[in-house]
């Protein structure tokens, strides 16, 4: 008999809402924590997250709450669907009420500036959990909410975490694959946001299909080069959390980071582009953090560094493109030939 785990989702955004309903659709009791009492009341009364997924009917088994203590203390599985800037603060609110046997899974695709920490590292440092994992992949929340066929990756060095999350989330339209490369899967989710902004800019500028293809494949080379320097397995980037997530984020106007990049390509300022989005675009902060870390480690990342100059130093895009096309011509596939 399948155990009916008590599931909690920390976060009231679109992806957290979609995950909560998947688990509820599978028969698990779910609590979804959020800060906004009005939003929680609206979800409980109308079964709809009118702020982030207004057209999506939320399963009756999802109970929205603003009581973080109640939400985490009774949970067997906790998904932390909080943007990276607020991730540690929310986890700290819950820390005293957590147990070592709880499965804790991050869905955030970002990096904490202080210490250049991934979200899994924050969970290890700030919680007693012995079952840490991350969930990442080509997972646009609106498409999941529409029950379009989607696959994701749960990564953990703990087999119990992997199998439990597969059990709770797998359904007819959402498939969960497993990986033991936690850092690789997590870095794939964070790094691809950088290149989604570049792809959005390129799309607004009207570049051709050859250019888009070059941009995506060279982005993958940069991502894997940086991640391996951080300790990840390069093979991970051939999967859903690497090339899969990169493709969907670089090609879909549903991607927040793509939309920010598109606005920049149209000539809008960074501040206006972010404000217009109305949601967190993790890639903006990630560009700055990764560019600085790459310089510190001596990792060659011309795309990320060029995009940093466009966003933060007002360098014309044309100059960045010229620099990329006249720069080093090295190996095609990373790690096949020596650099």
C-alpha atoms as a PDB file:
ATOM      1  CA  UNK A   1       0.000   0.000   0.000  1.00  0.00           C
ATOM      2  CA  UNK A   2       1.328   3.450  -0.938  1.00  0.00           C
ATOM      3  CA  UNK A   3       2.034   5.674   2.062  1.00  0.00           C
ATOM      4  CA  UNK A   4       0.048   8.914   2.053  1.00  0.00           C
ATOM      5  CA  UNK A   5       2.760  11.404   2.893  1.00  0.00           C
ATOM      6  CA  UNK A   6       1.748  14.799   4.247  1.00  0.00           C
ATOM      7  CA  UNK A   7       3.108  17.351   1.760  1.00  0.00           C
ATOM      8  CA  UNK A   8       3.882  21.020   2.332  1.00  0.00           C
ATOM      9  CA  UNK A   9       4.818  23.575  -0.312  1.00  0.00           C
ATOM     10  CA  UNK A  10       6.513  26.733   0.930  1.00  0.00           C
ATOM     11  CA  UNK A  11       5.728  29.457  -1.590  1.00  0.00           C
ATOM     12  CA  UNK A  12       2.636  30.965  -3.174  1.00  0.00           C
ATOM     13  CA  UNK A  13       4.003  31.432  -6.696  1.00  0.00           C
ATOM     14  CA  UNK A  14       3.062  29.707  -9.941  1.00  0.00           C
ATOM     15  CA  UNK A  15       5.403  26.703  -9.731  1.00  0.00           C
ATOM     16  CA  UNK A  16       4.659  26.034  -6.066  1.00  0.00           C
ATOM     17  CA  UNK A  17       0.944  26.146  -6.849  1.00  0.00           C
ATOM     18  CA  UNK A  18       1.319  23.719  -9.749  1.00  0.00           C
ATOM     19  CA  UNK A  19       3.352  21.292  -7.608  1.00  0.00           C
ATOM     20  CA  UNK A  20       0.843  21.474  -4.762  1.00  0.00           C
ATOM     21  CA  UNK A  21      -1.982  20.472  -7.079  1.00  0.00           C
ATOM     22  CA  UNK A  22      -0.014  17.601  -8.649  1.00  0.00           C
ATOM     23  CA  UNK A  23       0.595  16.067  -5.216  1.00  0.00           C
ATOM     24  CA  UNK A  24      -3.056  16.670  -4.286  1.00  0.00           C
ATOM     25  CA  UNK A  25      -4.245  15.141  -7.580  1.00  0.00           C
ATOM     26  CA  UNK A  26      -2.224  12.062  -6.593  1.00  0.00           C
ATOM     27  CA  UNK A  27      -4.166  11.799  -3.346  1.00  0.00           C
ATOM     28  CA  UNK A  28      -1.750  13.395  -0.888  1.00  0.00           C
ATOM     29  CA  UNK A  29      -2.894  15.979   1.677  1.00  0.00           C
ATOM     30  CA  UNK A  30      -1.126  19.259   0.866  1.00  0.00           C
ATOM     31  CA  UNK A  31      -0.586  22.509   2.734  1.00  0.00           C
ATOM     32  CA  UNK A  32       0.676  25.493   0.729  1.00  0.00           C
ATOM     33  CA  UNK A  33       2.262  28.234   2.801  1.00  0.00           C
ATOM     34  CA  UNK A  34       2.433  31.848   1.652  1.00  0.00           C
ATOM     35  CA  UNK A  35       2.891  35.234   3.325  1.00  0.00           C
ATOM     36  CA  UNK A  36      -0.228  36.892   1.918  1.00  0.00           C
ATOM     37  CA  UNK A  37      -3.371  36.131   3.946  1.00  0.00           C
ATOM     38  CA  UNK A  38      -5.637  37.552   1.245  1.00  0.00           C
ATOM     39  CA  UNK A  39      -4.124  35.203  -1.357  1.00  0.00           C
ATOM     40  CA  UNK A  40      -4.419  32.216   0.995  1.00  0.00           C
ATOM     41  CA  UNK A  41      -8.074  33.059   1.678  1.00  0.00           C
ATOM     42  CA  UNK A  42      -8.782  33.415  -2.038  1.00  0.00           C
ATOM     43  CA  UNK A  43      -7.221  30.008  -2.795  1.00  0.00           C
ATOM     44  CA  UNK A  44      -9.195  28.295  -0.034  1.00  0.00           C
ATOM     45  CA  UNK A  45     -12.469  29.952  -1.040  1.00  0.00           C
ATOM     46  CA  UNK A  46     -12.266  29.938  -4.839  1.00  0.00           C
ATOM     47  CA  UNK A  47      -9.657  27.168  -5.517  1.00  0.00           C
ATOM     48  CA  UNK A  48      -7.637  29.597  -7.627  1.00  0.00           C
ATOM     49  CA  UNK A  49      -4.336  31.455  -7.279  1.00  0.00           C
ATOM     50  CA  UNK A  50      -5.637  34.639  -8.880  1.00  0.00           C
ATOM     51  CA  UNK A  51      -2.230  36.335  -8.733  1.00  0.00           C
ATOM     52  CA  UNK A  52      -0.002  33.806 -10.506  1.00  0.00           C
ATOM     53  CA  UNK A  53      -2.201  31.131 -12.138  1.00  0.00           C
ATOM     54  CA  UNK A  54      -5.633  32.753 -12.523  1.00  0.00           C
ATOM     55  CA  UNK A  55      -6.959  30.179 -15.020  1.00  0.00           C
ATOM     56  CA  UNK A  56      -5.916  27.093 -13.023  1.00  0.00           C
ATOM     57  CA  UNK A  57      -8.315  25.188 -10.733  1.00  0.00           C
ATOM     58  CA  UNK A  58      -6.482  24.050  -7.587  1.00  0.00           C
ATOM     59  CA  UNK A  59      -7.275  20.620  -6.154  1.00  0.00           C
ATOM     60  CA  UNK A  60      -9.548  20.582  -3.094  1.00  0.00           C
ATOM     61  CA  UNK A  61      -6.866  18.686  -1.122  1.00  0.00           C
ATOM     62  CA  UNK A  62      -4.647  21.808  -1.124  1.00  0.00           C
ATOM     63  CA  UNK A  63      -5.070  23.944   1.994  1.00  0.00           C
ATOM     64  CA  UNK A  64      -3.461  27.400   1.780  1.00  0.00           C
ATOM     65  CA  UNK A  65      -2.085  28.859   5.018  1.00  0.00           C
ATOM     66  CA  UNK A  66       0.070  31.677   6.360  1.00  0.00           C
ATOM     67  CA  UNK A  67       1.062  29.651   9.455  1.00  0.00           C
ATOM     68  CA  UNK A  68       4.554  28.369   8.678  1.00  0.00           C
ATOM     69  CA  UNK A  69       4.811  26.430  11.954  1.00  0.00           C
ATOM     70  CA  UNK A  70       1.666  24.414  11.287  1.00  0.00           C
ATOM     71  CA  UNK A  71       2.653  23.943   7.645  1.00  0.00           C
ATOM     72  CA  UNK A  72       6.062  22.386   8.313  1.00  0.00           C
ATOM     73  CA  UNK A  73       5.675  20.645  11.674  1.00  0.00           C
ATOM     74  CA  UNK A  74       3.181  18.061  10.388  1.00  0.00           C
ATOM     75  CA  UNK A  75       4.834  17.509   6.987  1.00  0.00           C
ATOM     76  CA  UNK A  76       6.679  14.431   5.714  1.00  0.00           C
ATOM     77  CA  UNK A  77       7.792  16.180   2.520  1.00  0.00           C
ATOM     78  CA  UNK A  78       8.526  19.900   2.129  1.00  0.00           C
ATOM     79  CA  UNK A  79       9.018  21.590  -1.244  1.00  0.00           C
ATOM     80  CA  UNK A  80      10.713  24.972  -0.866  1.00  0.00           C
ATOM     81  CA  UNK A  81       9.446  27.009  -3.830  1.00  0.00           C
ATOM     82  CA  UNK A  82      10.826  30.371  -2.722  1.00  0.00           C
ATOM     83  CA  UNK A  83      12.964  32.741  -4.857  1.00  0.00           C
ATOM     84  CA  UNK A  84      16.654  32.571  -3.956  1.00  0.00           C
ATOM     85  CA  UNK A  85      16.783  36.043  -2.358  1.00  0.00           C
ATOM     86  CA  UNK A  86      14.203  35.072   0.269  1.00  0.00           C
ATOM     87  CA  UNK A  87      14.984  31.356   0.433  1.00  0.00           C
ATOM     88  CA  UNK A  88      17.217  31.326   3.528  1.00  0.00           C
ATOM     89  CA  UNK A  89      14.966  33.734   5.449  1.00  0.00           C
ATOM     90  CA  UNK A  90      11.918  31.497   4.976  1.00  0.00           C
ATOM     91  CA  UNK A  91      13.855  28.333   5.846  1.00  0.00           C
ATOM     92  CA  UNK A  92      15.124  30.053   8.998  1.00  0.00           C
ATOM     93  CA  UNK A  93      11.529  30.799  10.028  1.00  0.00           C
ATOM     94  CA  UNK A  94      10.765  27.089   9.868  1.00  0.00           C
ATOM     95  CA  UNK A  95      14.054  25.654  11.164  1.00  0.00           C
ATOM     96  CA  UNK A  96      13.046  25.142  14.828  1.00  0.00           C
ATOM     97  CA  UNK A  97      10.026  23.074  13.766  1.00  0.00           C
ATOM     98  CA  UNK A  98      11.763  20.757  11.293  1.00  0.00           C
ATOM     99  CA  UNK A  99      12.779  17.107  11.838  1.00  0.00           C
ATOM    100  CA  UNK A 100      15.692  15.007  10.518  1.00  0.00           C
ATOM    101  CA  UNK A 101      13.329  12.507   8.850  1.00  0.00           C
ATOM    102  CA  UNK A 102      11.573  15.092   6.659  1.00  0.00           C
ATOM    103  CA  UNK A 103      12.338  15.155   2.933  1.00  0.00           C
ATOM    104  CA  UNK A 104      13.241  18.716   1.882  1.00  0.00           C
ATOM    105  CA  UNK A 105      13.400  19.608  -1.800  1.00  0.00           C
ATOM    106  CA  UNK A 106      14.329  22.950  -3.319  1.00  0.00           C
ATOM    107  CA  UNK A 107      12.676  24.073  -6.550  1.00  0.00           C
ATOM    108  CA  UNK A 108      14.417  27.475  -6.661  1.00  0.00           C
ATOM    109  CA  UNK A 109      16.626  28.166  -9.675  1.00  0.00           C
ATOM    110  CA  UNK A 110      19.020  30.704  -8.242  1.00  0.00           C
ATOM    111  CA  UNK A 111      22.134  31.327  -6.164  1.00  0.00           C
ATOM    112  CA  UNK A 112      22.494  33.145  -2.849  1.00  0.00           C
ATOM    113  CA  UNK A 113      24.938  36.020  -3.124  1.00  0.00           C
ATOM    114  CA  UNK A 114      26.406  35.666   0.380  1.00  0.00           C
ATOM    115  CA  UNK A 115      28.866  32.808   0.016  1.00  0.00           C
ATOM    116  CA  UNK A 116      27.736  31.895  -3.528  1.00  0.00           C
ATOM    117  CA  UNK A 117      25.500  29.200  -2.044  1.00  0.00           C
ATOM    118  CA  UNK A 118      23.145  26.908  -3.905  1.00  0.00           C
ATOM    119  CA  UNK A 119      19.760  26.303  -2.312  1.00  0.00           C
ATOM    120  CA  UNK A 120      20.634  22.710  -1.373  1.00  0.00           C
ATOM    121  CA  UNK A 121      23.613  24.022   0.567  1.00  0.00           C
ATOM    122  CA  UNK A 122      21.287  26.358   2.474  1.00  0.00           C
ATOM    123  CA  UNK A 123      19.003  23.430   3.300  1.00  0.00           C
ATOM    124  CA  UNK A 124      21.969  21.415   4.585  1.00  0.00           C
ATOM    125  CA  UNK A 125      23.249  24.293   6.702  1.00  0.00           C
ATOM    126  CA  UNK A 126      19.914  25.580   8.034  1.00  0.00           C
ATOM    127  CA  UNK A 127      17.837  22.427   8.595  1.00  0.00           C
ATOM    128  CA  UNK A 128      18.256  19.083  10.398  1.00  0.00           C
ATOM    129  CA  UNK A 129      16.929  17.141   7.381  1.00  0.00           C
ATOM    130  CA  UNK A 130      18.815  14.008   6.366  1.00  0.00           C
ATOM    131  CA  UNK A 131      16.966  13.889   3.037  1.00  0.00           C
ATOM    132  CA  UNK A 132      17.913  16.873   0.847  1.00  0.00           C
ATOM    133  CA  UNK A 133      17.075  17.140  -2.837  1.00  0.00           C
ATOM    134  CA  UNK A 134      16.407  19.530  -5.707  1.00  0.00           C
ATOM    135  CA  UNK A 135      13.783  19.516  -8.450  1.00  0.00           C
ATOM    136  CA  UNK A 136      14.658  21.080 -11.785  1.00  0.00           C
ATOM    137  CA  UNK A 137      13.987  20.765 -15.490  1.00  0.00           C
ATOM    138  CA  UNK A 138      12.065  22.291 -18.422  1.00  0.00           C
ATOM    139  CA  UNK A 139       9.056  23.070 -16.244  1.00  0.00           C
ATOM    140  CA  UNK A 140       7.042  26.130 -17.257  1.00  0.00           C
ATOM    141  CA  UNK A 141       4.385  26.396 -14.565  1.00  0.00           C
ATOM    142  CA  UNK A 142       1.559  27.501 -16.879  1.00  0.00           C
ATOM    143  CA  UNK A 143       2.021  24.445 -19.081  1.00  0.00           C
ATOM    144  CA  UNK A 144       2.084  22.140 -16.050  1.00  0.00           C
ATOM    145  CA  UNK A 145      -1.124  23.783 -14.862  1.00  0.00           C
ATOM    146  CA  UNK A 146      -2.643  23.030 -18.277  1.00  0.00           C
ATOM    147  CA  UNK A 147      -1.591  19.377 -17.755  1.00  0.00           C
ATOM    148  CA  UNK A 148       0.676  19.422 -20.798  1.00  0.00           C
ATOM    149  CA  UNK A 149       3.139  16.507 -20.859  1.00  0.00           C
ATOM    150  CA  UNK A 150       6.174  17.532 -18.802  1.00  0.00           C
ATOM    151  CA  UNK A 151       9.278  15.866 -17.370  1.00  0.00           C
ATOM    152  CA  UNK A 152      11.507  16.950 -14.508  1.00  0.00           C
ATOM    153  CA  UNK A 153      14.518  15.705 -12.537  1.00  0.00           C
ATOM    154  CA  UNK A 154      14.778  15.057  -8.824  1.00  0.00           C
ATOM    155  CA  UNK A 155      18.414  15.042  -7.746  1.00  0.00           C
ATOM    156  CA  UNK A 156      19.765  13.804  -4.446  1.00  0.00           C
ATOM    157  CA  UNK A 157      22.598  11.656  -3.147  1.00  0.00           C
ATOM    158  CA  UNK A 158      19.911   9.927  -1.081  1.00  0.00           C
ATOM    159  CA  UNK A 159      17.928   7.137  -2.783  1.00  0.00           C
ATOM    160  CA  UNK A 160      14.983   7.541  -0.386  1.00  0.00           C
ATOM    161  CA  UNK A 161      14.553  11.182  -1.409  1.00  0.00           C
ATOM    162  CA  UNK A 162      14.632  10.339  -5.099  1.00  0.00           C
ATOM    163  CA  UNK A 163      12.112   7.475  -4.887  1.00  0.00           C
ATOM    164  CA  UNK A 164       9.752   9.361  -2.537  1.00  0.00           C
ATOM    165  CA  UNK A 165       9.538  12.431  -4.784  1.00  0.00           C
ATOM    166  CA  UNK A 166       9.024  10.224  -7.838  1.00  0.00           C
ATOM    167  CA  UNK A 167       6.121   8.532  -6.024  1.00  0.00           C
ATOM    168  CA  UNK A 168       4.472  11.766  -4.884  1.00  0.00           C
ATOM    169  CA  UNK A 169       4.738  13.756  -8.124  1.00  0.00           C
ATOM    170  CA  UNK A 170       4.615  11.233 -10.982  1.00  0.00           C
ATOM    171  CA  UNK A 171       1.309  11.226 -12.864  1.00  0.00           C
ATOM    172  CA  UNK A 172      -0.111  10.914 -16.364  1.00  0.00           C
ATOM    173  CA  UNK A 173       1.246  14.315 -17.439  1.00  0.00           C
ATOM    174  CA  UNK A 174       4.235  14.859 -15.103  1.00  0.00           C
ATOM    175  CA  UNK A 175       7.173  12.443 -15.282  1.00  0.00           C
ATOM    176  CA  UNK A 176       9.976  12.517 -12.692  1.00  0.00           C
ATOM    177  CA  UNK A 177      13.438  11.248 -13.598  1.00  0.00           C
ATOM    178  CA  UNK A 178      16.205  10.710 -11.027  1.00  0.00           C
ATOM    179  CA  UNK A 179      19.807  11.894 -10.704  1.00  0.00           C
ATOM    180  CA  UNK A 180      22.468  11.704  -8.023  1.00  0.00           C
ATOM    181  CA  UNK A 181      24.273  14.818  -9.336  1.00  0.00           C
ATOM    182  CA  UNK A 182      22.627  17.329  -7.040  1.00  0.00           C
ATOM    183  CA  UNK A 183      25.020  20.184  -7.872  1.00  0.00           C
ATOM    184  CA  UNK A 184      24.822  19.579 -11.611  1.00  0.00           C
ATOM    185  CA  UNK A 185      21.024  19.568 -11.715  1.00  0.00           C
ATOM    186  CA  UNK A 186      20.847  22.614  -9.449  1.00  0.00           C
ATOM    187  CA  UNK A 187      23.443  24.583 -11.400  1.00  0.00           C
ATOM    188  CA  UNK A 188      21.712  23.741 -14.675  1.00  0.00           C
ATOM    189  CA  UNK A 189      18.526  25.340 -13.363  1.00  0.00           C
ATOM    190  CA  UNK A 190      20.327  28.444 -12.145  1.00  0.00           C
ATOM    191  CA  UNK A 191      22.735  28.997 -15.039  1.00  0.00           C
ATOM    192  CA  UNK A 192      20.276  28.602 -17.911  1.00  0.00           C
ATOM    193  CA  UNK A 193      18.458  31.751 -16.713  1.00  0.00           C
ATOM    194  CA  UNK A 194      21.474  33.802 -17.802  1.00  0.00           C
ATOM    195  CA  UNK A 195      21.233  32.544 -21.354  1.00  0.00           C
ATOM    196  CA  UNK A 196      17.460  32.885 -21.491  1.00  0.00           C
ATOM    197  CA  UNK A 197      17.958  36.637 -21.082  1.00  0.00           C
ATOM    198  CA  UNK A 198      20.465  36.572 -23.947  1.00  0.00           C
ATOM    199  CA  UNK A 199      18.030  34.560 -26.079  1.00  0.00           C
ATOM    200  CA  UNK A 200      15.231  37.025 -25.375  1.00  0.00           C
ATOM    201  CA  UNK A 201      17.435  39.905 -26.444  1.00  0.00           C
ATOM    202  CA  UNK A 202      18.442  38.052 -29.604  1.00  0.00           C
ATOM    203  CA  UNK A 203      14.799  37.338 -30.453  1.00  0.00           C
ATOM    204  CA  UNK A 204      13.850  41.007 -30.035  1.00  0.00           C
ATOM    205  CA  UNK A 205      16.723  41.951 -32.323  1.00  0.00           C
ATOM    206  CA  UNK A 206      15.376  39.620 -35.015  1.00  0.00           C
ATOM    207  CA  UNK A 207      18.344  37.280 -35.357  1.00  0.00           C
ATOM    208  CA  UNK A 208      18.153  34.233 -37.628  1.00  0.00           C
ATOM    209  CA  UNK A 209      17.698  30.583 -36.733  1.00  0.00           C
ATOM    210  CA  UNK A 210      21.406  29.851 -37.263  1.00  0.00           C
ATOM    211  CA  UNK A 211      22.241  32.503 -34.686  1.00  0.00           C
ATOM    212  CA  UNK A 212      19.730  31.166 -32.165  1.00  0.00           C
ATOM    213  CA  UNK A 213      21.136  27.662 -32.561  1.00  0.00           C
ATOM    214  CA  UNK A 214      24.689  28.914 -32.068  1.00  0.00           C
ATOM    215  CA  UNK A 215      23.629  30.879 -29.006  1.00  0.00           C
ATOM    216  CA  UNK A 216      21.941  27.900 -27.328  1.00  0.00           C
ATOM    217  CA  UNK A 217      24.752  25.426 -27.987  1.00  0.00           C
ATOM    218  CA  UNK A 218      27.517  27.796 -26.895  1.00  0.00           C
ATOM    219  CA  UNK A 219      25.437  28.587 -23.814  1.00  0.00           C
ATOM    220  CA  UNK A 220      25.376  24.879 -23.002  1.00  0.00           C
ATOM    221  CA  UNK A 221      29.159  24.765 -23.356  1.00  0.00           C
ATOM    222  CA  UNK A 222      29.547  27.657 -20.910  1.00  0.00           C
ATOM    223  CA  UNK A 223      27.093  26.175 -18.431  1.00  0.00           C
ATOM    224  CA  UNK A 224      28.798  22.806 -18.313  1.00  0.00           C
ATOM    225  CA  UNK A 225      32.276  24.373 -18.177  1.00  0.00           C
ATOM    226  CA  UNK A 226      31.338  26.441 -15.138  1.00  0.00           C
ATOM    227  CA  UNK A 227      29.421  23.640 -13.418  1.00  0.00           C
ATOM    228  CA  UNK A 228      32.263  21.151 -13.771  1.00  0.00           C
ATOM    229  CA  UNK A 229      34.610  23.709 -12.222  1.00  0.00           C
ATOM    230  CA  UNK A 230      32.147  23.752  -9.296  1.00  0.00           C
ATOM    231  CA  UNK A 231      32.197  19.949  -8.990  1.00  0.00           C
ATOM    232  CA  UNK A 232      29.296  18.820 -11.206  1.00  0.00           C
ATOM    233  CA  UNK A 233      29.211  15.899 -13.650  1.00  0.00           C
ATOM    234  CA  UNK A 234      29.344  17.137 -17.279  1.00  0.00           C
ATOM    235  CA  UNK A 235      27.016  14.328 -18.405  1.00  0.00           C
ATOM    236  CA  UNK A 236      24.201  15.885 -16.385  1.00  0.00           C
ATOM    237  CA  UNK A 237      24.011  18.717 -18.912  1.00  0.00           C
ATOM    238  CA  UNK A 238      22.925  16.332 -21.661  1.00  0.00           C
ATOM    239  CA  UNK A 239      19.687  15.737 -19.744  1.00  0.00           C
ATOM    240  CA  UNK A 240      16.484  17.522 -18.800  1.00  0.00           C
ATOM    241  CA  UNK A 241      18.050  19.856 -16.235  1.00  0.00           C
ATOM    242  CA  UNK A 242      20.761  20.910 -18.694  1.00  0.00           C
ATOM    243  CA  UNK A 243      19.971  21.067 -22.393  1.00  0.00           C
ATOM    244  CA  UNK A 244      16.257  20.420 -21.766  1.00  0.00           C
ATOM    245  CA  UNK A 245      15.764  23.369 -19.438  1.00  0.00           C
ATOM    246  CA  UNK A 246      18.033  25.551 -21.568  1.00  0.00           C
ATOM    247  CA  UNK A 247      15.995  24.926 -24.738  1.00  0.00           C
ATOM    248  CA  UNK A 248      12.599  25.691 -23.205  1.00  0.00           C
ATOM    249  CA  UNK A 249      13.850  28.776 -21.385  1.00  0.00           C
ATOM    250  CA  UNK A 250      15.622  30.177 -24.435  1.00  0.00           C
ATOM    251  CA  UNK A 251      12.728  29.605 -26.819  1.00  0.00           C
ATOM    252  CA  UNK A 252       9.545  30.319 -24.887  1.00  0.00           C
ATOM    253  CA  UNK A 253       7.960  33.725 -24.207  1.00  0.00           C
ATOM    254  CA  UNK A 254       6.444  32.059 -21.100  1.00  0.00           C
ATOM    255  CA  UNK A 255       9.941  32.167 -19.575  1.00  0.00           C
ATOM    256  CA  UNK A 256      10.325  35.166 -17.246  1.00  0.00           C
ATOM    257  CA  UNK A 257      14.008  35.552 -18.061  1.00  0.00           C
ATOM    258  CA  UNK A 258      13.329  35.409 -21.808  1.00  0.00           C
ATOM    259  CA  UNK A 259      10.736  38.163 -21.384  1.00  0.00           C
ATOM    260  CA  UNK A 260      13.196  40.366 -19.501  1.00  0.00           C
ATOM    261  CA  UNK A 261      15.752  39.830 -22.261  1.00  0.00           C
ATOM    262  CA  UNK A 262      13.177  40.605 -24.947  1.00  0.00           C
ATOM    263  CA  UNK A 263      12.301  43.886 -23.237  1.00  0.00           C
ATOM    264  CA  UNK A 264      15.999  44.781 -23.070  1.00  0.00           C
ATOM    265  CA  UNK A 265      16.356  43.957 -26.761  1.00  0.00           C
ATOM    266  CA  UNK A 266      13.527  46.369 -27.489  1.00  0.00           C
ATOM    267  CA  UNK A 267      15.508  49.122 -25.778  1.00  0.00           C
ATOM    268  CA  UNK A 268      13.874  49.171 -22.353  1.00  0.00           C
ATOM    269  CA  UNK A 269      15.977  49.727 -19.241  1.00  0.00           C
ATOM    270  CA  UNK A 270      16.743  46.809 -16.940  1.00  0.00           C
ATOM    271  CA  UNK A 271      14.722  48.336 -14.100  1.00  0.00           C
ATOM    272  CA  UNK A 272      11.689  48.866 -16.333  1.00  0.00           C
ATOM    273  CA  UNK A 273      11.943  45.369 -17.807  1.00  0.00           C
ATOM    274  CA  UNK A 274      11.999  43.771 -14.345  1.00  0.00           C
ATOM    275  CA  UNK A 275       9.210  46.007 -13.057  1.00  0.00           C
ATOM    276  CA  UNK A 276       7.047  45.226 -16.073  1.00  0.00           C
ATOM    277  CA  UNK A 277       7.487  41.483 -15.476  1.00  0.00           C
ATOM    278  CA  UNK A 278       5.984  41.693 -11.991  1.00  0.00           C
ATOM    279  CA  UNK A 279       7.658  38.448 -10.913  1.00  0.00           C
ATOM    280  CA  UNK A 280      11.183  37.386  -9.979  1.00  0.00           C
ATOM    281  CA  UNK A 281      13.560  36.834 -12.913  1.00  0.00           C
ATOM    282  CA  UNK A 282      16.365  34.903 -11.235  1.00  0.00           C
ATOM    283  CA  UNK A 283      18.725  35.358 -14.181  1.00  0.00           C
ATOM    284  CA  UNK A 284      19.373  39.061 -13.562  1.00  0.00           C
ATOM    285  CA  UNK A 285      21.049  38.452 -10.218  1.00  0.00           C
ATOM    286  CA  UNK A 286      22.614  35.184 -11.403  1.00  0.00           C
ATOM    287  CA  UNK A 287      24.469  36.963 -14.238  1.00  0.00           C
ATOM    288  CA  UNK A 288      26.279  39.196 -11.777  1.00  0.00           C
ATOM    289  CA  UNK A 289      27.113  36.400  -9.331  1.00  0.00           C
ATOM    290  CA  UNK A 290      28.283  33.920 -11.977  1.00  0.00           C
ATOM    291  CA  UNK A 291      30.334  36.471 -13.895  1.00  0.00           C
ATOM    292  CA  UNK A 292      32.203  37.423 -10.719  1.00  0.00           C
ATOM    293  CA  UNK A 293      32.677  33.774  -9.722  1.00  0.00           C
ATOM    294  CA  UNK A 294      33.924  32.870 -13.205  1.00  0.00           C
ATOM    295  CA  UNK A 295      36.542  35.629 -13.065  1.00  0.00           C
ATOM    296  CA  UNK A 296      37.575  34.443  -9.599  1.00  0.00           C
ATOM    297  CA  UNK A 297      37.955  30.813 -10.735  1.00  0.00           C
ATOM    298  CA  UNK A 298      39.398  31.603 -14.165  1.00  0.00           C
ATOM    299  CA  UNK A 299      36.525  29.959 -16.077  1.00  0.00           C
ATOM    300  CA  UNK A 300      36.133  31.178 -19.670  1.00  0.00           C
ATOM    301  CA  UNK A 301      32.533  32.492 -20.041  1.00  0.00           C
ATOM    302  CA  UNK A 302      32.372  35.087 -22.849  1.00  0.00           C
ATOM    303  CA  UNK A 303      28.571  35.023 -23.161  1.00  0.00           C
ATOM    304  CA  UNK A 304      27.909  35.548 -19.464  1.00  0.00           C
ATOM    305  CA  UNK A 305      30.586  38.217 -19.193  1.00  0.00           C
ATOM    306  CA  UNK A 306      29.325  40.016 -22.292  1.00  0.00           C
ATOM    307  CA  UNK A 307      25.759  39.961 -21.030  1.00  0.00           C
ATOM    308  CA  UNK A 308      26.946  41.370 -17.701  1.00  0.00           C
ATOM    309  CA  UNK A 309      28.462  44.336 -19.557  1.00  0.00           C
ATOM    310  CA  UNK A 310      25.195  44.943 -21.436  1.00  0.00           C
ATOM    311  CA  UNK A 311      23.031  44.807 -18.314  1.00  0.00           C
ATOM    312  CA  UNK A 312      25.192  46.601 -15.791  1.00  0.00           C
ATOM    313  CA  UNK A 313      27.646  48.748 -17.786  1.00  0.00           C
ATOM    314  CA  UNK A 314      25.398  49.760 -20.720  1.00  0.00           C
ATOM    315  CA  UNK A 315      27.708  48.251 -23.338  1.00  0.00           C
ATOM    316  CA  UNK A 316      25.977  48.150 -26.758  1.00  0.00           C
ATOM    317  CA  UNK A 317      24.879  44.669 -27.777  1.00  0.00           C
ATOM    318  CA  UNK A 318      26.654  45.081 -31.123  1.00  0.00           C
ATOM    319  CA  UNK A 319      30.013  45.353 -29.372  1.00  0.00           C
ATOM    320  CA  UNK A 320      29.374  42.192 -27.378  1.00  0.00           C
ATOM    321  CA  UNK A 321      28.424  40.296 -30.539  1.00  0.00           C
ATOM    322  CA  UNK A 322      31.570  41.519 -32.298  1.00  0.00           C
ATOM    323  CA  UNK A 323      33.672  40.369 -29.360  1.00  0.00           C
ATOM    324  CA  UNK A 324      32.076  36.911 -29.401  1.00  0.00           C
ATOM    325  CA  UNK A 325      32.577  36.447 -33.144  1.00  0.00           C
ATOM    326  CA  UNK A 326      36.208  37.547 -33.084  1.00  0.00           C
ATOM    327  CA  UNK A 327      37.173  35.822 -29.834  1.00  0.00           C
ATOM    328  CA  UNK A 328      38.813  32.483 -29.215  1.00  0.00           C
ATOM    329  CA  UNK A 329      37.770  29.620 -31.531  1.00  0.00           C
ATOM    330  CA  UNK A 330      38.188  26.575 -29.355  1.00  0.00           C
ATOM    331  CA  UNK A 331      36.617  23.121 -29.089  1.00  0.00           C
ATOM    332  CA  UNK A 332      32.996  22.430 -30.011  1.00  0.00           C
ATOM    333  CA  UNK A 333      31.936  19.972 -27.299  1.00  0.00           C
ATOM    334  CA  UNK A 334      33.436  20.676 -23.896  1.00  0.00           C
ATOM    335  CA  UNK A 335      35.874  18.115 -22.437  1.00  0.00           C
ATOM    336  CA  UNK A 336      36.373  16.263 -25.765  1.00  0.00           C
ATOM    337  CA  UNK A 337      39.512  18.192 -26.739  1.00  0.00           C
ATOM    338  CA  UNK A 338      41.823  20.026 -24.325  1.00  0.00           C
ATOM    339  CA  UNK A 339      41.191  23.770 -24.178  1.00  0.00           C
END
